[in-house]
């Protein structure tokens, strides 16, 4: 539990086994942040375009 943020640890402390903890974490964090993904794509595009000038 010392290797995760306190807020995350509080939500997984009562899970019985490591496998279920990993499943919980995967479900929680595998959901993409579409806004952030779009921002990153725009930044990459801008960098690519800038280097071609």
PDB file of N, CA and C in Angstrom:
ATOM      1  N   UNK A   1       0.803  -1.193   0.000  1.00  0.00           N
ATOM      2  CA  UNK A   1       0.000   0.000   0.000  1.00  0.00           C
ATOM      3  C   UNK A   1       0.851   1.264   0.000  1.00  0.00           C
ATOM      4  N   UNK A   2       2.104   1.161   0.344  1.00  0.00           N
ATOM      5  CA  UNK A   2       2.961   2.343   0.368  1.00  0.00           C
ATOM      6  C   UNK A   2       3.353   2.816  -1.022  1.00  0.00           C
ATOM      7  N   UNK A   3       3.057   2.013  -2.037  1.00  0.00           N
ATOM      8  CA  UNK A   3       3.482   2.386  -3.384  1.00  0.00           C
ATOM      9  C   UNK A   3       2.380   3.064  -4.195  1.00  0.00           C
ATOM     10  N   UNK A   4       1.235   3.313  -3.581  1.00  0.00           N
ATOM     11  CA  UNK A   4       0.167   4.032  -4.279  1.00  0.00           C
ATOM     12  C   UNK A   4      -0.216   5.276  -3.486  1.00  0.00           C
ATOM     13  N   UNK A   5      -0.793   6.226  -4.178  1.00  0.00           N
ATOM     14  CA  UNK A   5      -1.253   7.457  -3.539  1.00  0.00           C
ATOM     15  C   UNK A   5      -2.267   7.134  -2.439  1.00  0.00           C
ATOM     16  N   UNK A   6      -2.285   7.950  -1.413  1.00  0.00           N
ATOM     17  CA  UNK A   6      -3.159   7.720  -0.262  1.00  0.00           C
ATOM     18  C   UNK A   6      -4.623   7.606  -0.671  1.00  0.00           C
ATOM     19  N   UNK A   7      -5.061   8.454  -1.582  1.00  0.00           N
ATOM     20  CA  UNK A   7      -6.469   8.413  -1.994  1.00  0.00           C
ATOM     21  C   UNK A   7      -6.813   7.107  -2.701  1.00  0.00           C
ATOM     22  N   UNK A   8      -5.868   6.561  -3.444  1.00  0.00           N
ATOM     23  CA  UNK A   8      -6.090   5.278  -4.112  1.00  0.00           C
ATOM     24  C   UNK A   8      -6.031   4.154  -3.088  1.00  0.00           C
ATOM     25  N   UNK A   9      -5.066   4.218  -2.196  1.00  0.00           N
ATOM     26  CA  UNK A   9      -4.917   3.180  -1.171  1.00  0.00           C
ATOM     27  C   UNK A   9      -6.182   3.042  -0.340  1.00  0.00           C
ATOM     28  N   UNK A  10      -6.825   4.157  -0.029  1.00  0.00           N
ATOM     29  CA  UNK A  10      -8.048   4.107   0.773  1.00  0.00           C
ATOM     30  C   UNK A  10      -9.158   3.345   0.072  1.00  0.00           C
ATOM     31  N   UNK A  11      -9.166   3.360  -1.253  1.00  0.00           N
ATOM     32  CA  UNK A  11     -10.233   2.679  -1.980  1.00  0.00           C
ATOM     33  C   UNK A  11      -9.925   1.211  -2.263  1.00  0.00           C
ATOM     34  N   UNK A  12      -8.665   0.803  -2.136  1.00  0.00           N
ATOM     35  CA  UNK A  12      -8.330  -0.599  -2.421  1.00  0.00           C
ATOM     36  C   UNK A  12      -7.925  -1.387  -1.184  1.00  0.00           C
ATOM     37  N   UNK A  13      -7.860  -0.726  -0.045  1.00  0.00           N
ATOM     38  CA  UNK A  13      -7.366  -1.373   1.166  1.00  0.00           C
ATOM     39  C   UNK A  13      -8.227  -2.573   1.576  1.00  0.00           C
ATOM     40  N   UNK A  14      -9.496  -2.551   1.242  1.00  0.00           N
ATOM     41  CA  UNK A  14     -10.382  -3.631   1.665  1.00  0.00           C
ATOM     42  C   UNK A  14     -10.544  -4.729   0.620  1.00  0.00           C
ATOM     43  N   UNK A  15      -9.839  -4.634  -0.494  1.00  0.00           N
ATOM     44  CA  UNK A  15      -9.884  -5.684  -1.514  1.00  0.00           C
ATOM     45  C   UNK A  15      -9.041  -6.851  -1.019  1.00  0.00           C
ATOM     46  N   UNK A  16      -9.586  -8.061  -1.163  1.00  0.00           N
ATOM     47  CA  UNK A  16      -9.004  -9.242  -0.521  1.00  0.00           C
ATOM     48  C   UNK A  16      -7.695  -9.746  -1.117  1.00  0.00           C
ATOM     49  N   UNK A  17      -7.511  -9.610  -2.432  1.00  0.00           N
ATOM     50  CA  UNK A  17      -6.290 -10.180  -3.007  1.00  0.00           C
ATOM     51  C   UNK A  17      -5.723  -9.277  -4.102  1.00  0.00           C
ATOM     52  N   UNK A  18      -4.474  -9.521  -4.419  1.00  0.00           N
ATOM     53  CA  UNK A  18      -3.746  -8.664  -5.367  1.00  0.00           C
ATOM     54  C   UNK A  18      -4.377  -8.677  -6.754  1.00  0.00           C
ATOM     55  N   UNK A  19      -4.865  -9.823  -7.173  1.00  0.00           N
ATOM     56  CA  UNK A  19      -5.481  -9.914  -8.491  1.00  0.00           C
ATOM     57  C   UNK A  19      -6.673  -8.968  -8.604  1.00  0.00           C
ATOM     58  N   UNK A  20      -7.504  -8.939  -7.580  1.00  0.00           N
ATOM     59  CA  UNK A  20      -8.662  -8.051  -7.596  1.00  0.00           C
ATOM     60  C   UNK A  20      -8.249  -6.584  -7.519  1.00  0.00           C
ATOM     61  N   UNK A  21      -7.155  -6.298  -6.827  1.00  0.00           N
ATOM     62  CA  UNK A  21      -6.642  -4.925  -6.783  1.00  0.00           C
ATOM     63  C   UNK A  21      -6.243  -4.499  -8.189  1.00  0.00           C
ATOM     64  N   UNK A  22      -5.505  -5.365  -8.897  1.00  0.00           N
ATOM     65  CA  UNK A  22      -5.071  -5.025 -10.252  1.00  0.00           C
ATOM     66  C   UNK A  22      -6.264  -4.842 -11.182  1.00  0.00           C
ATOM     67  N   UNK A  23      -7.291  -5.669 -11.036  1.00  0.00           N
ATOM     68  CA  UNK A  23      -8.492  -5.530 -11.864  1.00  0.00           C
ATOM     69  C   UNK A  23      -9.154  -4.182 -11.600  1.00  0.00           C
ATOM     70  N   UNK A  24      -9.273  -3.827 -10.322  1.00  0.00           N
ATOM     71  CA  UNK A  24      -9.868  -2.540  -9.949  1.00  0.00           C
ATOM     72  C   UNK A  24      -9.077  -1.378 -10.550  1.00  0.00           C
ATOM     73  N   UNK A  25      -7.761  -1.428 -10.408  1.00  0.00           N
ATOM     74  CA  UNK A  25      -6.920  -0.346 -10.923  1.00  0.00           C
ATOM     75  C   UNK A  25      -6.984  -0.259 -12.447  1.00  0.00           C
ATOM     76  N   UNK A  26      -7.011  -1.405 -13.102  1.00  0.00           N
ATOM     77  CA  UNK A  26      -7.100  -1.416 -14.564  1.00  0.00           C
ATOM     78  C   UNK A  26      -8.402  -0.776 -15.022  1.00  0.00           C
ATOM     79  N   UNK A  27      -9.509  -1.159 -14.385  1.00  0.00           N
ATOM     80  CA  UNK A  27     -10.799  -0.588 -14.763  1.00  0.00           C
ATOM     81  C   UNK A  27     -10.835   0.916 -14.503  1.00  0.00           C
ATOM     82  N   UNK A  28     -10.229   1.326 -13.419  1.00  0.00           N
ATOM     83  CA  UNK A  28     -10.250   2.733 -13.042  1.00  0.00           C
ATOM     84  C   UNK A  28      -9.413   3.592 -13.990  1.00  0.00           C
ATOM     85  N   UNK A  29      -8.239   3.106 -14.378  1.00  0.00           N
ATOM     86  CA  UNK A  29      -7.307   3.950 -15.121  1.00  0.00           C
ATOM     87  C   UNK A  29      -7.207   3.636 -16.607  1.00  0.00           C
ATOM     88  N   UNK A  30      -7.881   2.608 -17.083  1.00  0.00           N
ATOM     89  CA  UNK A  30      -7.792   2.287 -18.505  1.00  0.00           C
ATOM     90  C   UNK A  30      -8.754   3.122 -19.336  1.00  0.00           C
ATOM     91  N   UNK A  31      -9.635   3.842 -18.690  1.00  0.00           N
ATOM     92  CA  UNK A  31     -10.563   4.708 -19.396  1.00  0.00           C
ATOM     93  C   UNK A  31      -9.787   5.916 -19.905  1.00  0.00           C
ATOM     94  N   UNK A  32      -9.745   6.081 -21.198  1.00  0.00           N
ATOM     95  CA  UNK A  32      -8.979   7.176 -21.776  1.00  0.00           C
ATOM     96  C   UNK A  32      -9.600   8.534 -21.509  1.00  0.00           C
ATOM     97  N   UNK A  33      -8.772   9.510 -21.336  1.00  0.00           N
ATOM     98  CA  UNK A  33      -9.216  10.891 -21.197  1.00  0.00           C
ATOM     99  C   UNK A  33      -9.182  11.492 -22.598  1.00  0.00           C
ATOM    100  N   UNK A  34     -10.337  11.476 -23.261  1.00  0.00           N
ATOM    101  CA  UNK A  34     -10.387  11.861 -24.667  1.00  0.00           C
ATOM    102  C   UNK A  34      -9.967  13.304 -24.901  1.00  0.00           C
ATOM    103  N   UNK A  35     -10.262  14.175 -23.970  1.00  0.00           N
ATOM    104  CA  UNK A  35      -9.849  15.570 -24.110  1.00  0.00           C
ATOM    105  C   UNK A  35      -8.329  15.657 -24.093  1.00  0.00           C
ATOM    106  N   UNK A  36      -7.700  14.966 -23.148  1.00  0.00           N
ATOM    107  CA  UNK A  36      -6.237  15.005 -23.045  1.00  0.00           C
ATOM    108  C   UNK A  36      -5.597  14.356 -24.267  1.00  0.00           C
ATOM    109  N   UNK A  37      -6.167  13.262 -24.745  1.00  0.00           N
ATOM    110  CA  UNK A  37      -5.638  12.596 -25.938  1.00  0.00           C
ATOM    111  C   UNK A  37      -5.696  13.550 -27.129  1.00  0.00           C
ATOM    112  N   UNK A  38      -6.798  14.262 -27.267  1.00  0.00           N
ATOM    113  CA  UNK A  38      -6.935  15.225 -28.360  1.00  0.00           C
ATOM    114  C   UNK A  38      -5.900  16.342 -28.245  1.00  0.00           C
ATOM    115  N   UNK A  39      -5.695  16.844 -27.022  1.00  0.00           N
ATOM    116  CA  UNK A  39      -4.687  17.889 -26.812  1.00  0.00           C
ATOM    117  C   UNK A  39      -3.300  17.399 -27.199  1.00  0.00           C
ATOM    118  N   UNK A  40      -2.971  16.179 -26.822  1.00  0.00           N
ATOM    119  CA  UNK A  40      -1.656  15.626 -27.156  1.00  0.00           C
ATOM    120  C   UNK A  40      -1.494  15.471 -28.664  1.00  0.00           C
ATOM    121  N   UNK A  41      -2.553  15.026 -29.339  1.00  0.00           N
ATOM    122  CA  UNK A  41      -2.491  14.901 -30.795  1.00  0.00           C
ATOM    123  C   UNK A  41      -2.231  16.256 -31.437  1.00  0.00           C
ATOM    124  N   UNK A  42      -2.898  17.293 -30.946  1.00  0.00           N
ATOM    125  CA  UNK A  42      -2.699  18.635 -31.493  1.00  0.00           C
ATOM    126  C   UNK A  42      -1.273  19.118 -31.259  1.00  0.00           C
ATOM    127  N   UNK A  43      -0.733  18.843 -30.072  1.00  0.00           N
ATOM    128  CA  UNK A  43       0.646  19.247 -29.777  1.00  0.00           C
ATOM    129  C   UNK A  43       1.633  18.524 -30.683  1.00  0.00           C
ATOM    130  N   UNK A  44       1.420  17.242 -30.887  1.00  0.00           N
ATOM    131  CA  UNK A  44       2.304  16.459 -31.758  1.00  0.00           C
ATOM    132  C   UNK A  44       2.226  16.990 -33.186  1.00  0.00           C
ATOM    133  N   UNK A  45       1.018  17.275 -33.654  1.00  0.00           N
ATOM    134  CA  UNK A  45       0.836  17.808 -35.003  1.00  0.00           C
ATOM    135  C   UNK A  45       1.560  19.144 -35.154  1.00  0.00           C
ATOM    136  N   UNK A  46       1.430  19.998 -34.140  1.00  0.00           N
ATOM    137  CA  UNK A  46       2.087  21.305 -34.187  1.00  0.00           C
ATOM    138  C   UNK A  46       3.602  21.146 -34.225  1.00  0.00           C
ATOM    139  N   UNK A  47       4.132  20.220 -33.453  1.00  0.00           N
ATOM    140  CA  UNK A  47       5.578  19.980 -33.461  1.00  0.00           C
ATOM    141  C   UNK A  47       6.026  19.462 -34.816  1.00  0.00           C
ATOM    142  N   UNK A  48       5.246  18.549 -35.382  1.00  0.00           N
ATOM    143  CA  UNK A  48       5.581  17.985 -36.684  1.00  0.00           C
ATOM    144  C   UNK A  48       5.559  19.071 -37.747  1.00  0.00           C
ATOM    145  N   UNK A  49       4.520  19.899 -37.758  1.00  0.00           N
ATOM    146  CA  UNK A  49       4.414  20.975 -38.732  1.00  0.00           C
ATOM    147  C   UNK A  49       5.531  21.994 -38.546  1.00  0.00           C
ATOM    148  N   UNK A  50       5.861  22.307 -37.320  1.00  0.00           N
ATOM    149  CA  UNK A  50       6.906  23.279 -37.044  1.00  0.00           C
ATOM    150  C   UNK A  50       8.265  22.838 -37.547  1.00  0.00           C
ATOM    151  N   UNK A  51       8.547  21.558 -37.502  1.00  0.00           N
ATOM    152  CA  UNK A  51       9.852  21.068 -37.920  1.00  0.00           C
ATOM    153  C   UNK A  51       9.970  20.979 -39.438  1.00  0.00           C
ATOM    154  N   UNK A  52       8.848  21.083 -40.141  1.00  0.00           N
ATOM    155  CA  UNK A  52       8.874  21.000 -41.601  1.00  0.00           C
ATOM    156  C   UNK A  52       8.984  22.365 -42.264  1.00  0.00           C
ATOM    157  N   UNK A  53       8.911  23.410 -41.498  1.00  0.00           N
ATOM    158  CA  UNK A  53       8.940  24.768 -42.070  1.00  0.00           C
ATOM    159  C   UNK A  53      10.311  25.115 -42.582  1.00  0.00           C
TER     160      UNK A  53
END
